[in-house]
Amino acid sequence: MIKLVDDWRWVAKHAWSLRATAIAVVLSGAEVVLPLFTPKSPPPWYALVLFLVVAGAAASRLIAQKKGKDGE
């Protein structure tokens, strides 16, 4: 059974991996939608940027993020 971590609100608010994943979702969506409105596909560097964002999201999952004195 899937269970959220106890401090999921803090994680959702502060985790860099979630931020990078959200950026990757937006970029992936743009990669699909942009060709519908323009005759050109995204430039070649676009795939590299998307790859770097996804790789950053994966790497940031491994980095410890400490909470401050007040839990923030």
PDB file of N, CA and C in Angstrom:
ATOM      1  N   MET A   1       0.836  -1.182   0.000  1.00  0.00           N
ATOM      2  CA  MET A   1       0.000   0.000   0.000  1.00  0.00           C
ATOM      3  C   MET A   1       0.886   1.253   0.000  1.00  0.00           C
ATOM      4  N   ILE A   2       0.504   2.231  -0.778  1.00  0.00           N
ATOM      5  CA  ILE A   2       1.250   3.478  -0.847  1.00  0.00           C
ATOM      6  C   ILE A   2       0.864   4.353   0.339  1.00  0.00           C
ATOM      7  N   LYS A   3       1.882   4.918   0.993  1.00  0.00           N
ATOM      8  CA  LYS A   3       1.644   5.776   2.152  1.00  0.00           C
ATOM      9  C   LYS A   3       2.504   7.027   2.015  1.00  0.00           C
ATOM     10  N   LEU A   4       1.917   8.175   2.259  1.00  0.00           N
ATOM     11  CA  LEU A   4       2.676   9.424   2.220  1.00  0.00           C
ATOM     12  C   LEU A   4       3.642   9.487   3.404  1.00  0.00           C
ATOM     13  N   VAL A   5       4.750  10.174   3.216  1.00  0.00           N
ATOM     14  CA  VAL A   5       5.656  10.392   4.338  1.00  0.00           C
ATOM     15  C   VAL A   5       4.961  11.269   5.365  1.00  0.00           C
ATOM     16  N   ASP A   6       5.393  11.176   6.608  1.00  0.00           N
ATOM     17  CA  ASP A   6       4.726  11.911   7.682  1.00  0.00           C
ATOM     18  C   ASP A   6       4.719  13.426   7.460  1.00  0.00           C
ATOM     19  N   ASP A   7       5.813  13.948   6.933  1.00  0.00           N
ATOM     20  CA  ASP A   7       5.912  15.399   6.737  1.00  0.00           C
ATOM     21  C   ASP A   7       5.731  15.768   5.262  1.00  0.00           C
ATOM     22  N   TRP A   8       4.740  15.178   4.615  1.00  0.00           N
ATOM     23  CA  TRP A   8       4.545  15.376   3.180  1.00  0.00           C
ATOM     24  C   TRP A   8       4.285  16.829   2.820  1.00  0.00           C
ATOM     25  N   ARG A   9       3.663  17.579   3.697  1.00  0.00           N
ATOM     26  CA  ARG A   9       3.413  19.006   3.392  1.00  0.00           C
ATOM     27  C   ARG A   9       4.728  19.765   3.282  1.00  0.00           C
ATOM     28  N   TRP A  10       5.653  19.492   4.194  1.00  0.00           N
ATOM     29  CA  TRP A  10       6.958  20.141   4.141  1.00  0.00           C
ATOM     30  C   TRP A  10       7.695  19.718   2.875  1.00  0.00           C
ATOM     31  N   VAL A  11       7.650  18.432   2.576  1.00  0.00           N
ATOM     32  CA  VAL A  11       8.328  17.921   1.384  1.00  0.00           C
ATOM     33  C   VAL A  11       7.752  18.564   0.128  1.00  0.00           C
ATOM     34  N   ALA A  12       6.440  18.642   0.042  1.00  0.00           N
ATOM     35  CA  ALA A  12       5.796  19.236  -1.130  1.00  0.00           C
ATOM     36  C   ALA A  12       6.173  20.709  -1.287  1.00  0.00           C
ATOM     37  N   LYS A  13       6.393  21.377  -0.174  1.00  0.00           N
ATOM     38  CA  LYS A  13       6.695  22.805  -0.217  1.00  0.00           C
ATOM     39  C   LYS A  13       8.176  23.093  -0.462  1.00  0.00           C
ATOM     40  N   HIS A  14       9.063  22.208  -0.032  1.00  0.00           N
ATOM     41  CA  HIS A  14      10.490  22.512  -0.049  1.00  0.00           C
ATOM     42  C   HIS A  14      11.372  21.615  -0.911  1.00  0.00           C
ATOM     43  N   ALA A  15      10.901  20.461  -1.323  1.00  0.00           N
ATOM     44  CA  ALA A  15      11.767  19.509  -2.028  1.00  0.00           C
ATOM     45  C   ALA A  15      12.131  20.008  -3.426  1.00  0.00           C
ATOM     46  N   TRP A  16      13.421  20.110  -3.680  1.00  0.00           N
ATOM     47  CA  TRP A  16      13.897  20.542  -4.988  1.00  0.00           C
ATOM     48  C   TRP A  16      13.546  19.535  -6.064  1.00  0.00           C
ATOM     49  N   SER A  17      13.476  18.263  -5.697  1.00  0.00           N
ATOM     50  CA  SER A  17      13.139  17.251  -6.697  1.00  0.00           C
ATOM     51  C   SER A  17      11.731  17.467  -7.235  1.00  0.00           C
ATOM     52  N   LEU A  18      10.805  17.886  -6.388  1.00  0.00           N
ATOM     53  CA  LEU A  18       9.450  18.167  -6.853  1.00  0.00           C
ATOM     54  C   LEU A  18       9.416  19.400  -7.748  1.00  0.00           C
ATOM     55  N   ARG A  19      10.197  20.384  -7.410  1.00  0.00           N
ATOM     56  CA  ARG A  19      10.254  21.598  -8.246  1.00  0.00           C
ATOM     57  C   ARG A  19      10.810  21.273  -9.627  1.00  0.00           C
ATOM     58  N   ALA A  20      11.903  20.517  -9.655  1.00  0.00           N
ATOM     59  CA  ALA A  20      12.503  20.157 -10.942  1.00  0.00           C
ATOM     60  C   ALA A  20      11.578  19.256 -11.744  1.00  0.00           C
ATOM     61  N   THR A  21      10.874  18.359 -11.060  1.00  0.00           N
ATOM     62  CA  THR A  21       9.925  17.492 -11.754  1.00  0.00           C
ATOM     63  C   THR A  21       8.784  18.312 -12.337  1.00  0.00           C
ATOM     64  N   ALA A  22       8.312  19.314 -11.609  1.00  0.00           N
ATOM     65  CA  ALA A  22       7.247  20.183 -12.123  1.00  0.00           C
ATOM     66  C   ALA A  22       7.716  20.928 -13.370  1.00  0.00           C
ATOM     67  N   ILE A  23       8.952  21.392 -13.367  1.00  0.00           N
ATOM     68  CA  ILE A  23       9.508  22.061 -14.553  1.00  0.00           C
ATOM     69  C   ILE A  23       9.580  21.077 -15.714  1.00  0.00           C
ATOM     70  N   ALA A  24      10.007  19.842 -15.430  1.00  0.00           N
ATOM     71  CA  ALA A  24      10.090  18.819 -16.480  1.00  0.00           C
ATOM     72  C   ALA A  24       8.714  18.511 -17.058  1.00  0.00           C
ATOM     73  N   VAL A  25       7.694  18.488 -16.215  1.00  0.00           N
ATOM     74  CA  VAL A  25       6.335  18.246 -16.698  1.00  0.00           C
ATOM     75  C   VAL A  25       5.901  19.365 -17.643  1.00  0.00           C
ATOM     76  N   VAL A  26       6.172  20.597 -17.269  1.00  0.00           N
ATOM     77  CA  VAL A  26       5.799  21.739 -18.122  1.00  0.00           C
ATOM     78  C   VAL A  26       6.557  21.680 -19.447  1.00  0.00           C
ATOM     79  N   LEU A  27       7.855  21.405 -19.384  1.00  0.00           N
ATOM     80  CA  LEU A  27       8.646  21.332 -20.618  1.00  0.00           C
ATOM     81  C   LEU A  27       8.194  20.177 -21.509  1.00  0.00           C
ATOM     82  N   SER A  28       7.883  19.040 -20.903  1.00  0.00           N
ATOM     83  CA  SER A  28       7.396  17.901 -21.693  1.00  0.00           C
ATOM     84  C   SER A  28       6.067  18.223 -22.360  1.00  0.00           C
ATOM     85  N   GLY A  29       5.195  18.874 -21.625  1.00  0.00           N
ATOM     86  CA  GLY A  29       3.909  19.278 -22.198  1.00  0.00           C
ATOM     87  C   GLY A  29       4.091  20.264 -23.327  1.00  0.00           C
ATOM     88  N   ALA A  30       5.000  21.204 -23.152  1.00  0.00           N
ATOM     89  CA  ALA A  30       5.266  22.188 -24.204  1.00  0.00           C
ATOM     90  C   ALA A  30       5.827  21.513 -25.449  1.00  0.00           C
ATOM     91  N   GLU A  31       6.651  20.488 -25.240  1.00  0.00           N
ATOM     92  CA  GLU A  31       7.234  19.769 -26.373  1.00  0.00           C
ATOM     93  C   GLU A  31       6.149  19.085 -27.209  1.00  0.00           C
ATOM     94  N   VAL A  32       5.082  18.674 -26.568  1.00  0.00           N
ATOM     95  CA  VAL A  32       3.976  18.024 -27.275  1.00  0.00           C
ATOM     96  C   VAL A  32       3.052  19.057 -27.908  1.00  0.00           C
ATOM     97  N   VAL A  33       2.777  20.141 -27.205  1.00  0.00           N
ATOM     98  CA  VAL A  33       1.783  21.121 -27.642  1.00  0.00           C
ATOM     99  C   VAL A  33       2.338  22.103 -28.683  1.00  0.00           C
ATOM    100  N   LEU A  34       3.578  22.510 -28.553  1.00  0.00           N
ATOM    101  CA  LEU A  34       4.132  23.520 -29.463  1.00  0.00           C
ATOM    102  C   LEU A  34       4.005  23.153 -30.943  1.00  0.00           C
ATOM    103  N   PRO A  35       4.286  21.928 -31.346  1.00  0.00           N
ATOM    104  CA  PRO A  35       4.144  21.603 -32.770  1.00  0.00           C
ATOM    105  C   PRO A  35       2.713  21.739 -33.294  1.00  0.00           C
ATOM    106  N   LEU A  36       1.730  21.718 -32.416  1.00  0.00           N
ATOM    107  CA  LEU A  36       0.347  21.897 -32.858  1.00  0.00           C
ATOM    108  C   LEU A  36       0.073  23.332 -33.301  1.00  0.00           C
ATOM    109  N   PHE A  37       0.834  24.289 -32.766  1.00  0.00           N
ATOM    110  CA  PHE A  37       0.603  25.705 -33.045  1.00  0.00           C
ATOM    111  C   PHE A  37       1.643  26.318 -33.973  1.00  0.00           C
ATOM    112  N   THR A  38       2.758  25.655 -34.142  1.00  0.00           N
ATOM    113  CA  THR A  38       3.803  26.168 -35.031  1.00  0.00           C
ATOM    114  C   THR A  38       4.229  25.047 -35.974  1.00  0.00           C
ATOM    115  N   PRO A  39       4.676  25.394 -37.147  1.00  0.00           N
ATOM    116  CA  PRO A  39       5.096  24.345 -38.094  1.00  0.00           C
ATOM    117  C   PRO A  39       6.417  23.689 -37.695  1.00  0.00           C
ATOM    118  N   LYS A  40       7.149  24.321 -36.794  1.00  0.00           N
ATOM    119  CA  LYS A  40       8.455  23.790 -36.416  1.00  0.00           C
ATOM    120  C   LYS A  40       8.362  23.020 -35.106  1.00  0.00           C
ATOM    121  N   SER A  41       9.189  22.009 -34.990  1.00  0.00           N
ATOM    122  CA  SER A  41       9.302  21.301 -33.722  1.00  0.00           C
ATOM    123  C   SER A  41      10.265  22.096 -32.832  1.00  0.00           C
ATOM    124  N   PRO A  42      10.291  21.804 -31.547  1.00  0.00           N
ATOM    125  CA  PRO A  42      11.220  22.527 -30.665  1.00  0.00           C
ATOM    126  C   PRO A  42      12.658  22.378 -31.150  1.00  0.00           C
ATOM    127  N   PRO A  43      13.499  23.382 -30.890  1.00  0.00           N
ATOM    128  CA  PRO A  43      14.890  23.318 -31.341  1.00  0.00           C
ATOM    129  C   PRO A  43      15.639  22.151 -30.681  1.00  0.00           C
ATOM    130  N   PRO A  44      16.747  21.733 -31.286  1.00  0.00           N
ATOM    131  CA  PRO A  44      17.494  20.581 -30.753  1.00  0.00           C
ATOM    132  C   PRO A  44      17.966  20.762 -29.310  1.00  0.00           C
ATOM    133  N   TRP A  45      18.296  21.978 -28.916  1.00  0.00           N
ATOM    134  CA  TRP A  45      18.776  22.194 -27.554  1.00  0.00           C
ATOM    135  C   TRP A  45      17.666  21.992 -26.525  1.00  0.00           C
ATOM    136  N   TYR A  46      16.418  22.024 -26.970  1.00  0.00           N
ATOM    137  CA  TYR A  46      15.280  21.849 -26.069  1.00  0.00           C
ATOM    138  C   TYR A  46      15.330  20.481 -25.379  1.00  0.00           C
ATOM    139  N   ALA A  47      15.658  19.448 -26.140  1.00  0.00           N
ATOM    140  CA  ALA A  47      15.763  18.097 -25.576  1.00  0.00           C
ATOM    141  C   ALA A  47      16.879  18.038 -24.541  1.00  0.00           C
ATOM    142  N   LEU A  48      17.975  18.740 -24.798  1.00  0.00           N
ATOM    143  CA  LEU A  48      19.079  18.769 -23.836  1.00  0.00           C
ATOM    144  C   LEU A  48      18.648  19.448 -22.537  1.00  0.00           C
ATOM    145  N   VAL A  49      17.937  20.558 -22.646  1.00  0.00           N
ATOM    146  CA  VAL A  49      17.447  21.259 -21.448  1.00  0.00           C
ATOM    147  C   VAL A  49      16.506  20.351 -20.660  1.00  0.00           C
ATOM    148  N   LEU A  50      15.603  19.692 -21.358  1.00  0.00           N
ATOM    149  CA  LEU A  50      14.671  18.779 -20.698  1.00  0.00           C
ATOM    150  C   LEU A  50      15.421  17.644 -20.009  1.00  0.00           C
ATOM    151  N   PHE A  51      16.424  17.089 -20.677  1.00  0.00           N
ATOM    152  CA  PHE A  51      17.228  16.034 -20.072  1.00  0.00           C
ATOM    153  C   PHE A  51      17.917  16.528 -18.806  1.00  0.00           C
ATOM    154  N   LEU A  52      18.493  17.717 -18.847  1.00  0.00           N
ATOM    155  CA  LEU A  52      19.198  18.255 -17.680  1.00  0.00           C
ATOM    156  C   LEU A  52      18.248  18.493 -16.504  1.00  0.00           C
ATOM    157  N   VAL A  53      17.046  18.967 -16.799  1.00  0.00           N
ATOM    158  CA  VAL A  53      16.066  19.185 -15.730  1.00  0.00           C
ATOM    159  C   VAL A  53      15.661  17.861 -15.092  1.00  0.00           C
ATOM    160  N   VAL A  54      15.411  16.853 -15.908  1.00  0.00           N
ATOM    161  CA  VAL A  54      15.020  15.540 -15.380  1.00  0.00           C
ATOM    162  C   VAL A  54      16.179  14.920 -14.598  1.00  0.00           C
ATOM    163  N   ALA A  55      17.387  15.031 -15.103  1.00  0.00           N
ATOM    164  CA  ALA A  55      18.554  14.513 -14.391  1.00  0.00           C
ATOM    165  C   ALA A  55      18.741  15.254 -13.067  1.00  0.00           C
ATOM    166  N   GLY A  56      18.512  16.558 -13.083  1.00  0.00           N
ATOM    167  CA  GLY A  56      18.598  17.334 -11.844  1.00  0.00           C
ATOM    168  C   GLY A  56      17.555  16.921 -10.830  1.00  0.00           C
ATOM    169  N   ALA A  57      16.366  16.602 -11.311  1.00  0.00           N
ATOM    170  CA  ALA A  57      15.306  16.132 -10.410  1.00  0.00           C
ATOM    171  C   ALA A  57      15.700  14.816  -9.767  1.00  0.00           C
ATOM    172  N   ALA A  58      16.258  13.920 -10.557  1.00  0.00           N
ATOM    173  CA  ALA A  58      16.682  12.630 -10.022  1.00  0.00           C
ATOM    174  C   ALA A  58      17.820  12.804  -9.019  1.00  0.00           C
ATOM    175  N   ALA A  59      18.789  13.635  -9.353  1.00  0.00           N
ATOM    176  CA  ALA A  59      19.919  13.864  -8.448  1.00  0.00           C
ATOM    177  C   ALA A  59      19.478  14.554  -7.156  1.00  0.00           C
ATOM    178  N   SER A  60      18.543  15.467  -7.263  1.00  0.00           N
ATOM    179  CA  SER A  60      18.115  16.197  -6.064  1.00  0.00           C
ATOM    180  C   SER A  60      17.361  15.304  -5.091  1.00  0.00           C
ATOM    181  N   ARG A  61      16.839  14.181  -5.563  1.00  0.00           N
ATOM    182  CA  ARG A  61      16.184  13.225  -4.664  1.00  0.00           C
ATOM    183  C   ARG A  61      17.192  12.618  -3.708  1.00  0.00           C
ATOM    184  N   LEU A  62      18.462  12.578  -4.103  1.00  0.00           N
ATOM    185  CA  LEU A  62      19.499  11.954  -3.280  1.00  0.00           C
ATOM    186  C   LEU A  62      20.156  12.918  -2.305  1.00  0.00           C
ATOM    187  N   ILE A  63      19.890  14.199  -2.455  1.00  0.00           N
ATOM    188  CA  ILE A  63      20.518  15.215  -1.607  1.00  0.00           C
ATOM    189  C   ILE A  63      19.644  15.446  -0.385  1.00  0.00           C
ATOM    190  N   ALA A  64      20.251  15.390   0.782  1.00  0.00           N
ATOM    191  CA  ALA A  64      19.497  15.608   2.033  1.00  0.00           C
ATOM    192  C   ALA A  64      19.116  17.082   2.131  1.00  0.00           C
ATOM    193  N   GLN A  65      17.870  17.322   2.496  1.00  0.00           N
ATOM    194  CA  GLN A  65      17.381  18.678   2.691  1.00  0.00           C
ATOM    195  C   GLN A  65      16.989  18.803   4.156  1.00  0.00           C
ATOM    196  N   LYS A  66      17.691  19.655   4.864  1.00  0.00           N
ATOM    197  CA  LYS A  66      17.468  19.780   6.293  1.00  0.00           C
ATOM    198  C   LYS A  66      16.423  20.827   6.599  1.00  0.00           C
ATOM    199  N   LYS A  67      15.663  20.553   7.628  1.00  0.00           N
ATOM    200  CA  LYS A  67      14.678  21.516   8.104  1.00  0.00           C
ATOM    201  C   LYS A  67      15.340  22.481   9.060  1.00  0.00           C
ATOM    202  N   GLY A  68      14.843  23.705   9.081  1.00  0.00           N
ATOM    203  CA  GLY A  68      15.365  24.715   9.996  1.00  0.00           C
ATOM    204  C   GLY A  68      14.810  24.518  11.403  1.00  0.00           C
ATOM    205  N   LYS A  69      15.102  25.477  12.264  1.00  0.00           N
ATOM    206  CA  LYS A  69      14.673  25.396  13.665  1.00  0.00           C
ATOM    207  C   LYS A  69      13.154  25.338  13.803  1.00  0.00           C
ATOM    208  N   ASP A  70      12.454  26.063  12.927  1.00  0.00           N
ATOM    209  CA  ASP A  70      10.993  26.130  13.047  1.00  0.00           C
ATOM    210  C   ASP A  70      10.300  25.127  12.140  1.00  0.00           C
ATOM    211  N   GLY A  71      11.046  24.159  11.595  1.00  0.00           N
ATOM    212  CA  GLY A  71      10.440  23.153  10.726  1.00  0.00           C
ATOM    213  C   GLY A  71      10.334  23.598   9.290  1.00  0.00           C
ATOM    214  N   GLU A  72      10.831  24.778   8.968  1.00  0.00           N
ATOM    215  CA  GLU A  72      10.776  25.294   7.593  1.00  0.00           C
ATOM    216  C   GLU A  72      12.147  25.268   6.982  1.00  0.00           C
TER     217      GLU A  72
END
